[in-house]
Amino acid sequence: MESQENKIDDGELLALLMGEIACVTTNEIPNRRAKETLGIVRGFSAPIGSGNEFKNADREALFDMLRNAKEIGANGVVGTKISSISYELIGSKWHISQIVYYGTAVKV
């Protein structure tokens, strides 16, 4: 996960990574065939403190998933989903929300 100071705010690193790794929500990458399935990859954002941080958290989680896919040799992720984790208590604090991306890493 990125620290607060190193947040992906301009999307340049994310855009570069998305140029290397095809990421789709479907179970197949159009006009390409998966040669090998490498397994599930996940990406988590840092906890979100306010609604204004959602955009950065979304990018951070997607970047983390794609980086994890690249680390295991994938050049594609199929079946990509996004979810959120939220813990609340509020009375004595701990309000934590996170964005999570996950999918199946493949070689095409």
PDB file of N, CA and C in Angstrom:
ATOM      1  N   MET A   1       0.831  -1.183   0.000  1.00  0.00           N
ATOM      2  CA  MET A   1       0.000   0.000   0.000  1.00  0.00           C
ATOM      3  C   MET A   1       0.877   1.248   0.000  1.00  0.00           C
ATOM      4  N   GLU A   2       0.390   2.266  -0.621  1.00  0.00           N
ATOM      5  CA  GLU A   2       1.103   3.531  -0.693  1.00  0.00           C
ATOM      6  C   GLU A   2       0.887   4.318   0.593  1.00  0.00           C
ATOM      7  N   SER A   3       1.874   5.094   0.980  1.00  0.00           N
ATOM      8  CA  SER A   3       1.687   5.973   2.133  1.00  0.00           C
ATOM      9  C   SER A   3       0.900   7.196   1.698  1.00  0.00           C
ATOM     10  N   GLN A   4       0.430   7.962   2.652  1.00  0.00           N
ATOM     11  CA  GLN A   4      -0.347   9.163   2.349  1.00  0.00           C
ATOM     12  C   GLN A   4       0.436  10.108   1.438  1.00  0.00           C
ATOM     13  N   GLU A   5       1.757  10.231   1.648  1.00  0.00           N
ATOM     14  CA  GLU A   5       2.562  11.157   0.858  1.00  0.00           C
ATOM     15  C   GLU A   5       2.743  10.664  -0.569  1.00  0.00           C
ATOM     16  N   ASN A   6       2.694   9.351  -0.790  1.00  0.00           N
ATOM     17  CA  ASN A   6       2.978   8.780  -2.101  1.00  0.00           C
ATOM     18  C   ASN A   6       1.721   8.319  -2.833  1.00  0.00           C
ATOM     19  N   LYS A   7       0.589   8.854  -2.502  1.00  0.00           N
ATOM     20  CA  LYS A   7      -0.654   8.442  -3.148  1.00  0.00           C
ATOM     21  C   LYS A   7      -0.573   8.637  -4.659  1.00  0.00           C
ATOM     22  N   ILE A   8      -1.244   7.764  -5.381  1.00  0.00           N
ATOM     23  CA  ILE A   8      -1.291   7.865  -6.830  1.00  0.00           C
ATOM     24  C   ILE A   8      -2.342   8.911  -7.160  1.00  0.00           C
ATOM     25  N   ASP A   9      -1.921  10.167  -7.244  1.00  0.00           N
ATOM     26  CA  ASP A   9      -2.898  11.216  -7.447  1.00  0.00           C
ATOM     27  C   ASP A   9      -3.063  11.589  -8.910  1.00  0.00           C
ATOM     28  N   ASP A  10      -2.063  11.364  -9.744  1.00  0.00           N
ATOM     29  CA  ASP A  10      -2.201  11.748 -11.139  1.00  0.00           C
ATOM     30  C   ASP A  10      -2.501  10.570 -12.045  1.00  0.00           C
ATOM     31  N   GLY A  11      -2.423   9.382 -11.533  1.00  0.00           N
ATOM     32  CA  GLY A  11      -2.774   8.203 -12.311  1.00  0.00           C
ATOM     33  C   GLY A  11      -1.725   7.771 -13.325  1.00  0.00           C
ATOM     34  N   GLU A  12      -0.562   8.438 -13.370  1.00  0.00           N
ATOM     35  CA  GLU A  12       0.447   8.084 -14.369  1.00  0.00           C
ATOM     36  C   GLU A  12       0.959   6.654 -14.203  1.00  0.00           C
ATOM     37  N   LEU A  13       1.300   6.270 -12.992  1.00  0.00           N
ATOM     38  CA  LEU A  13       1.783   4.910 -12.760  1.00  0.00           C
ATOM     39  C   LEU A  13       0.696   3.890 -13.072  1.00  0.00           C
ATOM     40  N   LEU A  14      -0.519   4.210 -12.695  1.00  0.00           N
ATOM     41  CA  LEU A  14      -1.641   3.315 -12.965  1.00  0.00           C
ATOM     42  C   LEU A  14      -1.837   3.164 -14.471  1.00  0.00           C
ATOM     43  N   ALA A  15      -1.765   4.262 -15.213  1.00  0.00           N
ATOM     44  CA  ALA A  15      -1.938   4.210 -16.661  1.00  0.00           C
ATOM     45  C   ALA A  15      -0.845   3.360 -17.316  1.00  0.00           C
ATOM     46  N   LEU A  16       0.378   3.491 -16.841  1.00  0.00           N
ATOM     47  CA  LEU A  16       1.475   2.684 -17.376  1.00  0.00           C
ATOM     48  C   LEU A  16       1.233   1.195 -17.130  1.00  0.00           C
ATOM     49  N   LEU A  17       0.826   0.876 -15.933  1.00  0.00           N
ATOM     50  CA  LEU A  17       0.573  -0.519 -15.583  1.00  0.00           C
ATOM     51  C   LEU A  17      -0.609  -1.076 -16.364  1.00  0.00           C
ATOM     52  N   MET A  18      -1.648  -0.260 -16.556  1.00  0.00           N
ATOM     53  CA  MET A  18      -2.808  -0.713 -17.330  1.00  0.00           C
ATOM     54  C   MET A  18      -2.454  -0.919 -18.797  1.00  0.00           C
ATOM     55  N   GLY A  19      -1.405  -0.238 -19.263  1.00  0.00           N
ATOM     56  CA  GLY A  19      -0.920  -0.464 -20.619  1.00  0.00           C
ATOM     57  C   GLY A  19      -0.214  -1.805 -20.767  1.00  0.00           C
ATOM     58  N   GLU A  20       0.298  -2.337 -19.667  1.00  0.00           N
ATOM     59  CA  GLU A  20       1.006  -3.614 -19.674  1.00  0.00           C
ATOM     60  C   GLU A  20       0.101  -4.793 -19.367  1.00  0.00           C
ATOM     61  N   ILE A  21      -0.948  -4.551 -18.588  1.00  0.00           N
ATOM     62  CA  ILE A  21      -1.809  -5.640 -18.119  1.00  0.00           C
ATOM     63  C   ILE A  21      -3.253  -5.352 -18.503  1.00  0.00           C
ATOM     64  N   ALA A  22      -3.830  -6.241 -19.312  1.00  0.00           N
ATOM     65  CA  ALA A  22      -5.243  -6.106 -19.671  1.00  0.00           C
ATOM     66  C   ALA A  22      -6.082  -6.454 -18.447  1.00  0.00           C
ATOM     67  N   CYS A  23      -7.022  -5.608 -18.118  1.00  0.00           N
ATOM     68  CA  CYS A  23      -7.850  -5.799 -16.926  1.00  0.00           C
ATOM     69  C   CYS A  23      -9.312  -5.664 -17.342  1.00  0.00           C
ATOM     70  N   VAL A  24     -10.054  -6.771 -17.227  1.00  0.00           N
ATOM     71  CA  VAL A  24     -11.449  -6.775 -17.663  1.00  0.00           C
ATOM     72  C   VAL A  24     -12.355  -7.369 -16.588  1.00  0.00           C
ATOM     73  N   THR A  25     -13.619  -7.012 -16.642  1.00  0.00           N
ATOM     74  CA  THR A  25     -14.588  -7.557 -15.699  1.00  0.00           C
ATOM     75  C   THR A  25     -15.192  -8.864 -16.204  1.00  0.00           C
ATOM     76  N   THR A  26     -15.003  -9.152 -17.473  1.00  0.00           N
ATOM     77  CA  THR A  26     -15.520 -10.390 -18.052  1.00  0.00           C
ATOM     78  C   THR A  26     -14.567 -11.542 -17.754  1.00  0.00           C
ATOM     79  N   ASN A  27     -14.981 -12.754 -18.099  1.00  0.00           N
ATOM     80  CA  ASN A  27     -14.146 -13.925 -17.837  1.00  0.00           C
ATOM     81  C   ASN A  27     -13.135 -14.202 -18.939  1.00  0.00           C
ATOM     82  N   GLU A  28     -13.164 -13.392 -19.994  1.00  0.00           N
ATOM     83  CA  GLU A  28     -12.213 -13.535 -21.098  1.00  0.00           C
ATOM     84  C   GLU A  28     -11.793 -12.151 -21.566  1.00  0.00           C
ATOM     85  N   ILE A  29     -10.574 -12.056 -22.053  1.00  0.00           N
ATOM     86  CA  ILE A  29     -10.105 -10.818 -22.668  1.00  0.00           C
ATOM     87  C   ILE A  29     -10.469 -10.910 -24.142  1.00  0.00           C
ATOM     88  N   PRO A  30     -11.230  -9.956 -24.675  1.00  0.00           N
ATOM     89  CA  PRO A  30     -11.673 -10.027 -26.061  1.00  0.00           C
ATOM     90  C   PRO A  30     -10.516 -10.248 -27.041  1.00  0.00           C
ATOM     91  N   ASN A  31     -10.727 -11.185 -27.960  1.00  0.00           N
ATOM     92  CA  ASN A  31      -9.780 -11.501 -29.030  1.00  0.00           C
ATOM     93  C   ASN A  31      -8.450 -12.047 -28.534  1.00  0.00           C
ATOM     94  N   ARG A  32      -8.407 -12.512 -27.302  1.00  0.00           N
ATOM     95  CA  ARG A  32      -7.185 -13.104 -26.746  1.00  0.00           C
ATOM     96  C   ARG A  32      -7.564 -14.346 -25.956  1.00  0.00           C
ATOM     97  N   ARG A  33      -6.673 -15.296 -25.933  1.00  0.00           N
ATOM     98  CA  ARG A  33      -6.933 -16.542 -25.223  1.00  0.00           C
ATOM     99  C   ARG A  33      -5.941 -16.702 -24.075  1.00  0.00           C
ATOM    100  N   ALA A  34      -6.453 -17.049 -22.920  1.00  0.00           N
ATOM    101  CA  ALA A  34      -5.588 -17.274 -21.755  1.00  0.00           C
ATOM    102  C   ALA A  34      -4.793 -18.552 -21.960  1.00  0.00           C
ATOM    103  N   LYS A  35      -3.460 -18.438 -21.841  1.00  0.00           N
ATOM    104  CA  LYS A  35      -2.580 -19.596 -21.975  1.00  0.00           C
ATOM    105  C   LYS A  35      -2.356 -20.274 -20.633  1.00  0.00           C
ATOM    106  N   GLU A  36      -2.438 -19.461 -19.565  1.00  0.00           N
ATOM    107  CA  GLU A  36      -2.187 -19.989 -18.226  1.00  0.00           C
ATOM    108  C   GLU A  36      -2.938 -19.157 -17.193  1.00  0.00           C
ATOM    109  N   THR A  37      -3.543 -19.833 -16.236  1.00  0.00           N
ATOM    110  CA  THR A  37      -4.186 -19.163 -15.117  1.00  0.00           C
ATOM    111  C   THR A  37      -3.222 -19.190 -13.941  1.00  0.00           C
ATOM    112  N   LEU A  38      -2.927 -18.006 -13.391  1.00  0.00           N
ATOM    113  CA  LEU A  38      -1.922 -17.902 -12.336  1.00  0.00           C
ATOM    114  C   LEU A  38      -2.508 -17.813 -10.935  1.00  0.00           C
ATOM    115  N   GLY A  39      -3.770 -17.477 -10.823  1.00  0.00           N
ATOM    116  CA  GLY A  39      -4.406 -17.425  -9.508  1.00  0.00           C
ATOM    117  C   GLY A  39      -5.060 -16.095  -9.205  1.00  0.00           C
ATOM    118  N   ILE A  40      -5.614 -16.000  -8.031  1.00  0.00           N
ATOM    119  CA  ILE A  40      -6.331 -14.798  -7.593  1.00  0.00           C
ATOM    120  C   ILE A  40      -5.331 -13.723  -7.192  1.00  0.00           C
ATOM    121  N   VAL A  41      -5.618 -12.500  -7.612  1.00  0.00           N
ATOM    122  CA  VAL A  41      -4.835 -11.346  -7.173  1.00  0.00           C
ATOM    123  C   VAL A  41      -5.786 -10.352  -6.526  1.00  0.00           C
ATOM    124  N   ARG A  42      -5.268  -9.648  -5.526  1.00  0.00           N
ATOM    125  CA  ARG A  42      -6.076  -8.670  -4.795  1.00  0.00           C
ATOM    126  C   ARG A  42      -5.290  -7.391  -4.650  1.00  0.00           C
ATOM    127  N   GLY A  43      -6.029  -6.305  -4.489  1.00  0.00           N
ATOM    128  CA  GLY A  43      -5.411  -5.019  -4.215  1.00  0.00           C
ATOM    129  C   GLY A  43      -6.239  -4.271  -3.198  1.00  0.00           C
ATOM    130  N   PHE A  44      -5.577  -3.724  -2.196  1.00  0.00           N
ATOM    131  CA  PHE A  44      -6.256  -3.024  -1.117  1.00  0.00           C
ATOM    132  C   PHE A  44      -5.814  -1.571  -1.067  1.00  0.00           C
ATOM    133  N   SER A  45      -6.720  -0.696  -0.735  1.00  0.00           N
ATOM    134  CA  SER A  45      -6.371   0.701  -0.505  1.00  0.00           C
ATOM    135  C   SER A  45      -6.026   0.885   0.968  1.00  0.00           C
ATOM    136  N   ALA A  46      -5.439   2.015   1.257  1.00  0.00           N
ATOM    137  CA  ALA A  46      -5.274   2.415   2.650  1.00  0.00           C
ATOM    138  C   ALA A  46      -6.663   2.776   3.179  1.00  0.00           C
ATOM    139  N   PRO A  47      -6.862   2.769   4.479  1.00  0.00           N
ATOM    140  CA  PRO A  47      -8.171   3.163   5.020  1.00  0.00           C
ATOM    141  C   PRO A  47      -8.586   4.555   4.544  1.00  0.00           C
ATOM    142  N   ILE A  48      -9.868   4.692   4.260  1.00  0.00           N
ATOM    143  CA  ILE A  48     -10.425   5.950   3.771  1.00  0.00           C
ATOM    144  C   ILE A  48     -11.018   6.699   4.949  1.00  0.00           C
ATOM    145  N   GLY A  49     -10.619   7.944   5.116  1.00  0.00           N
ATOM    146  CA  GLY A  49     -11.130   8.744   6.223  1.00  0.00           C
ATOM    147  C   GLY A  49     -12.335   9.577   5.850  1.00  0.00           C
ATOM    148  N   SER A  50     -12.471   9.929   4.568  1.00  0.00           N
ATOM    149  CA  SER A  50     -13.611  10.752   4.146  1.00  0.00           C
ATOM    150  C   SER A  50     -13.962  10.430   2.704  1.00  0.00           C
ATOM    151  N   GLY A  51     -15.127  10.894   2.276  1.00  0.00           N
ATOM    152  CA  GLY A  51     -15.588  10.669   0.920  1.00  0.00           C
ATOM    153  C   GLY A  51     -14.669  11.259  -0.135  1.00  0.00           C
ATOM    154  N   ASN A  52     -13.948  12.313   0.216  1.00  0.00           N
ATOM    155  CA  ASN A  52     -13.037  12.955  -0.728  1.00  0.00           C
ATOM    156  C   ASN A  52     -11.852  12.068  -1.074  1.00  0.00           C
ATOM    157  N   GLU A  53     -11.547  11.096  -0.242  1.00  0.00           N
ATOM    158  CA  GLU A  53     -10.403  10.224  -0.462  1.00  0.00           C
ATOM    159  C   GLU A  53     -10.749   9.014  -1.325  1.00  0.00           C
ATOM    160  N   PHE A  54     -12.008   8.865  -1.722  1.00  0.00           N
ATOM    161  CA  PHE A  54     -12.429   7.669  -2.457  1.00  0.00           C
ATOM    162  C   PHE A  54     -11.690   7.511  -3.781  1.00  0.00           C
ATOM    163  N   LYS A  55     -11.538   8.565  -4.537  1.00  0.00           N
ATOM    164  CA  LYS A  55     -10.891   8.473  -5.856  1.00  0.00           C
ATOM    165  C   LYS A  55      -9.469   7.951  -5.730  1.00  0.00           C
ATOM    166  N   ASN A  56      -8.706   8.505  -4.791  1.00  0.00           N
ATOM    167  CA  ASN A  56      -7.341   8.031  -4.581  1.00  0.00           C
ATOM    168  C   ASN A  56      -7.328   6.589  -4.083  1.00  0.00           C
ATOM    169  N   ALA A  57      -8.254   6.250  -3.208  1.00  0.00           N
ATOM    170  CA  ALA A  57      -8.321   4.888  -2.673  1.00  0.00           C
ATOM    171  C   ALA A  57      -8.647   3.897  -3.786  1.00  0.00           C
ATOM    172  N   ASP A  58      -9.539   4.271  -4.680  1.00  0.00           N
ATOM    173  CA  ASP A  58      -9.910   3.415  -5.805  1.00  0.00           C
ATOM    174  C   ASP A  58      -8.690   3.152  -6.685  1.00  0.00           C
ATOM    175  N   ARG A  59      -7.978   4.200  -7.045  1.00  0.00           N
ATOM    176  CA  ARG A  59      -6.769   4.055  -7.871  1.00  0.00           C
ATOM    177  C   ARG A  59      -5.707   3.224  -7.161  1.00  0.00           C
ATOM    178  N   GLU A  60      -5.547   3.469  -5.877  1.00  0.00           N
ATOM    179  CA  GLU A  60      -4.537   2.764  -5.098  1.00  0.00           C
ATOM    180  C   GLU A  60      -4.819   1.257  -5.071  1.00  0.00           C
ATOM    181  N   ALA A  61      -6.067   0.873  -4.863  1.00  0.00           N
ATOM    182  CA  ALA A  61      -6.434  -0.544  -4.814  1.00  0.00           C
ATOM    183  C   ALA A  61      -6.263  -1.207  -6.176  1.00  0.00           C
ATOM    184  N   LEU A  62      -6.667  -0.521  -7.248  1.00  0.00           N
ATOM    185  CA  LEU A  62      -6.505  -1.062  -8.596  1.00  0.00           C
ATOM    186  C   LEU A  62      -5.022  -1.218  -8.925  1.00  0.00           C
ATOM    187  N   PHE A  63      -4.226  -0.204  -8.607  1.00  0.00           N
ATOM    188  CA  PHE A  63      -2.782  -0.259  -8.826  1.00  0.00           C
ATOM    189  C   PHE A  63      -2.173  -1.437  -8.067  1.00  0.00           C
ATOM    190  N   ASP A  64      -2.566  -1.623  -6.820  1.00  0.00           N
ATOM    191  CA  ASP A  64      -2.039  -2.702  -5.992  1.00  0.00           C
ATOM    192  C   ASP A  64      -2.361  -4.062  -6.607  1.00  0.00           C
ATOM    193  N   MET A  65      -3.591  -4.247  -7.102  1.00  0.00           N
ATOM    194  CA  MET A  65      -3.964  -5.512  -7.726  1.00  0.00           C
ATOM    195  C   MET A  65      -3.139  -5.764  -8.979  1.00  0.00           C
ATOM    196  N   LEU A  66      -3.016  -4.746  -9.844  1.00  0.00           N
ATOM    197  CA  LEU A  66      -2.255  -4.913 -11.080  1.00  0.00           C
ATOM    198  C   LEU A  66      -0.776  -5.153 -10.797  1.00  0.00           C
ATOM    199  N   ARG A  67      -0.237  -4.480  -9.800  1.00  0.00           N
ATOM    200  CA  ARG A  67       1.160  -4.691  -9.420  1.00  0.00           C
ATOM    201  C   ARG A  67       1.364  -6.130  -8.947  1.00  0.00           C
ATOM    202  N   ASN A  68       0.428  -6.636  -8.155  1.00  0.00           N
ATOM    203  CA  ASN A  68       0.507  -8.023  -7.690  1.00  0.00           C
ATOM    204  C   ASN A  68       0.427  -9.004  -8.857  1.00  0.00           C
ATOM    205  N   ALA A  69      -0.415  -8.696  -9.829  1.00  0.00           N
ATOM    206  CA  ALA A  69      -0.528  -9.553 -11.016  1.00  0.00           C
ATOM    207  C   ALA A  69       0.790  -9.564 -11.789  1.00  0.00           C
ATOM    208  N   LYS A  70       1.380  -8.399 -11.979  1.00  0.00           N
ATOM    209  CA  LYS A  70       2.645  -8.302 -12.707  1.00  0.00           C
ATOM    210  C   LYS A  70       3.754  -9.066 -11.988  1.00  0.00           C
ATOM    211  N   GLU A  71       3.765  -8.986 -10.655  1.00  0.00           N
ATOM    212  CA  GLU A  71       4.793  -9.670  -9.863  1.00  0.00           C
ATOM    213  C   GLU A  71       4.766 -11.183 -10.040  1.00  0.00           C
ATOM    214  N   ILE A  72       3.610 -11.757 -10.362  1.00  0.00           N
ATOM    215  CA  ILE A  72       3.542 -13.207 -10.571  1.00  0.00           C
ATOM    216  C   ILE A  72       3.586 -13.578 -12.054  1.00  0.00           C
ATOM    217  N   GLY A  73       3.873 -12.596 -12.908  1.00  0.00           N
ATOM    218  CA  GLY A  73       4.077 -12.870 -14.322  1.00  0.00           C
ATOM    219  C   GLY A  73       2.851 -12.757 -15.202  1.00  0.00           C
ATOM    220  N   ALA A  74       1.780 -12.174 -14.703  1.00  0.00           N
ATOM    221  CA  ALA A  74       0.550 -12.044 -15.490  1.00  0.00           C
ATOM    222  C   ALA A  74       0.632 -10.855 -16.443  1.00  0.00           C
ATOM    223  N   ASN A  75      -0.080 -10.965 -17.557  1.00  0.00           N
ATOM    224  CA  ASN A  75      -0.263  -9.814 -18.432  1.00  0.00           C
ATOM    225  C   ASN A  75      -1.751  -9.563 -18.673  1.00  0.00           C
ATOM    226  N   GLY A  76      -2.568 -10.163 -17.800  1.00  0.00           N
ATOM    227  CA  GLY A  76      -4.003  -9.935 -17.846  1.00  0.00           C
ATOM    228  C   GLY A  76      -4.650 -10.303 -16.521  1.00  0.00           C
ATOM    229  N   VAL A  77      -5.782  -9.651 -16.238  1.00  0.00           N
ATOM    230  CA  VAL A  77      -6.604  -9.996 -15.074  1.00  0.00           C
ATOM    231  C   VAL A  77      -8.045 -10.063 -15.575  1.00  0.00           C
ATOM    232  N   VAL A  78      -8.669 -11.218 -15.377  1.00  0.00           N
ATOM    233  CA  VAL A  78     -10.060 -11.395 -15.805  1.00  0.00           C
ATOM    234  C   VAL A  78     -10.959 -11.489 -14.575  1.00  0.00           C
ATOM    235  N   GLY A  79     -12.247 -11.258 -14.797  1.00  0.00           N
ATOM    236  CA  GLY A  79     -13.214 -11.355 -13.709  1.00  0.00           C
ATOM    237  C   GLY A  79     -12.985 -10.332 -12.610  1.00  0.00           C
ATOM    238  N   THR A  80     -12.499  -9.158 -12.987  1.00  0.00           N
ATOM    239  CA  THR A  80     -12.174  -8.126 -12.002  1.00  0.00           C
ATOM    240  C   THR A  80     -13.438  -7.628 -11.302  1.00  0.00           C
ATOM    241  N   LYS A  81     -13.354  -7.567  -9.998  1.00  0.00           N
ATOM    242  CA  LYS A  81     -14.460  -7.065  -9.170  1.00  0.00           C
ATOM    243  C   LYS A  81     -13.916  -6.015  -8.219  1.00  0.00           C
ATOM    244  N   ILE A  82     -14.803  -5.147  -7.769  1.00  0.00           N
ATOM    245  CA  ILE A  82     -14.453  -4.150  -6.758  1.00  0.00           C
ATOM    246  C   ILE A  82     -15.410  -4.317  -5.590  1.00  0.00           C
ATOM    247  N   SER A  83     -14.873  -4.170  -4.410  1.00  0.00           N
ATOM    248  CA  SER A  83     -15.677  -4.296  -3.208  1.00  0.00           C
ATOM    249  C   SER A  83     -15.153  -3.296  -2.187  1.00  0.00           C
ATOM    250  N   SER A  84     -15.844  -3.191  -1.087  1.00  0.00           N
ATOM    251  CA  SER A  84     -15.351  -2.311  -0.026  1.00  0.00           C
ATOM    252  C   SER A  84     -15.451  -3.037   1.305  1.00  0.00           C
ATOM    253  N   ILE A  85     -14.546  -2.679   2.175  1.00  0.00           N
ATOM    254  CA  ILE A  85     -14.525  -3.204   3.529  1.00  0.00           C
ATOM    255  C   ILE A  85     -14.851  -2.027   4.437  1.00  0.00           C
ATOM    256  N   SER A  86     -15.744  -2.215   5.340  1.00  0.00           N
ATOM    257  CA  SER A  86     -16.098  -1.120   6.226  1.00  0.00           C
ATOM    258  C   SER A  86     -16.309  -1.654   7.629  1.00  0.00           C
ATOM    259  N   TYR A  87     -15.645  -1.052   8.588  1.00  0.00           N
ATOM    260  CA  TYR A  87     -15.832  -1.359  10.000  1.00  0.00           C
ATOM    261  C   TYR A  87     -16.346  -0.080  10.632  1.00  0.00           C
ATOM    262  N   GLU A  88     -17.273  -0.182  11.500  1.00  0.00           N
ATOM    263  CA  GLU A  88     -17.774   1.012  12.178  1.00  0.00           C
ATOM    264  C   GLU A  88     -17.872   0.759  13.654  1.00  0.00           C
ATOM    265  N   LEU A  89     -17.811   1.744  14.408  1.00  0.00           N
ATOM    266  CA  LEU A  89     -18.082   1.720  15.837  1.00  0.00           C
ATOM    267  C   LEU A  89     -18.505   3.122  16.210  1.00  0.00           C
ATOM    268  N   ILE A  90     -17.824   4.075  15.699  1.00  0.00           N
ATOM    269  CA  ILE A  90     -18.068   5.503  15.832  1.00  0.00           C
ATOM    270  C   ILE A  90     -18.109   5.994  17.283  1.00  0.00           C
ATOM    271  N   GLY A  91     -18.845   5.372  18.184  1.00  0.00           N
ATOM    272  CA  GLY A  91     -18.892   5.801  19.581  1.00  0.00           C
ATOM    273  C   GLY A  91     -17.524   5.950  20.217  1.00  0.00           C
ATOM    274  N   SER A  92     -16.666   4.974  20.088  1.00  0.00           N
ATOM    275  CA  SER A  92     -15.296   5.056  20.599  1.00  0.00           C
ATOM    276  C   SER A  92     -14.293   5.042  19.453  1.00  0.00           C
ATOM    277  N   LYS A  93     -14.682   5.501  18.329  1.00  0.00           N
ATOM    278  CA  LYS A  93     -13.879   5.660  17.119  1.00  0.00           C
ATOM    279  C   LYS A  93     -13.971   4.492  16.161  1.00  0.00           C
ATOM    280  N   TRP A  94     -12.894   3.941  15.739  1.00  0.00           N
ATOM    281  CA  TRP A  94     -12.537   3.056  14.649  1.00  0.00           C
ATOM    282  C   TRP A  94     -13.541   2.947  13.502  1.00  0.00           C
ATOM    283  N   HIS A  95     -13.623   3.955  12.698  1.00  0.00           N
ATOM    284  CA  HIS A  95     -14.390   3.962  11.448  1.00  0.00           C
ATOM    285  C   HIS A  95     -13.390   3.733  10.320  1.00  0.00           C
ATOM    286  N   ILE A  96     -13.329   2.539   9.774  1.00  0.00           N
ATOM    287  CA  ILE A  96     -12.352   2.189   8.744  1.00  0.00           C
ATOM    288  C   ILE A  96     -13.104   1.720   7.510  1.00  0.00           C
ATOM    289  N   SER A  97     -12.749   2.263   6.367  1.00  0.00           N
ATOM    290  CA  SER A  97     -13.280   1.801   5.092  1.00  0.00           C
ATOM    291  C   SER A  97     -12.108   1.596   4.154  1.00  0.00           C
ATOM    292  N   GLN A  98     -12.174   0.563   3.331  1.00  0.00           N
ATOM    293  CA  GLN A  98     -11.143   0.289   2.347  1.00  0.00           C
ATOM    294  C   GLN A  98     -11.797  -0.157   1.053  1.00  0.00           C
ATOM    295  N   ILE A  99     -11.102   0.097  -0.051  1.00  0.00           N
ATOM    296  CA  ILE A  99     -11.518  -0.397  -1.357  1.00  0.00           C
ATOM    297  C   ILE A  99     -10.682  -1.637  -1.652  1.00  0.00           C
ATOM    298  N   VAL A 100     -11.319  -2.654  -2.231  1.00  0.00           N
ATOM    299  CA  VAL A 100     -10.632  -3.893  -2.591  1.00  0.00           C
ATOM    300  C   VAL A 100     -10.966  -4.234  -4.038  1.00  0.00           C
ATOM    301  N   TYR A 101      -9.938  -4.495  -4.828  1.00  0.00           N
ATOM    302  CA  TYR A 101     -10.102  -5.040  -6.176  1.00  0.00           C
ATOM    303  C   TYR A 101      -9.603  -6.473  -6.136  1.00  0.00           C
ATOM    304  N   TYR A 102     -10.239  -7.361  -6.902  1.00  0.00           N
ATOM    305  CA  TYR A 102      -9.748  -8.724  -7.010  1.00  0.00           C
ATOM    306  C   TYR A 102     -10.161  -9.316  -8.349  1.00  0.00           C
ATOM    307  N   GLY A 103      -9.379 -10.282  -8.797  1.00  0.00           N
ATOM    308  CA  GLY A 103      -9.645 -10.934 -10.058  1.00  0.00           C
ATOM    309  C   GLY A 103      -8.702 -12.117 -10.224  1.00  0.00           C
ATOM    310  N   THR A 104      -8.733 -12.733 -11.402  1.00  0.00           N
ATOM    311  CA  THR A 104      -7.876 -13.875 -11.700  1.00  0.00           C
ATOM    312  C   THR A 104      -6.773 -13.451 -12.653  1.00  0.00           C
ATOM    313  N   ALA A 105      -5.532 -13.649 -12.229  1.00  0.00           N
ATOM    314  CA  ALA A 105      -4.381 -13.290 -13.046  1.00  0.00           C
ATOM    315  C   ALA A 105      -4.170 -14.377 -14.093  1.00  0.00           C
ATOM    316  N   VAL A 106      -3.905 -13.942 -15.331  1.00  0.00           N
ATOM    317  CA  VAL A 106      -3.685 -14.879 -16.437  1.00  0.00           C
ATOM    318  C   VAL A 106      -2.515 -14.417 -17.302  1.00  0.00           C
ATOM    319  N   LYS A 107      -1.988 -15.364 -18.072  1.00  0.00           N
ATOM    320  CA  LYS A 107      -1.036 -15.045 -19.145  1.00  0.00           C
ATOM    321  C   LYS A 107      -1.786 -15.250 -20.448  1.00  0.00           C
ATOM    322  N   VAL A 108      -1.748 -14.268 -21.292  1.00  0.00           N
ATOM    323  CA  VAL A 108      -2.415 -14.364 -22.603  1.00  0.00           C
ATOM    324  C   VAL A 108      -1.390 -14.278 -23.717  1.00  0.00           C
TER     325      VAL A 108
END
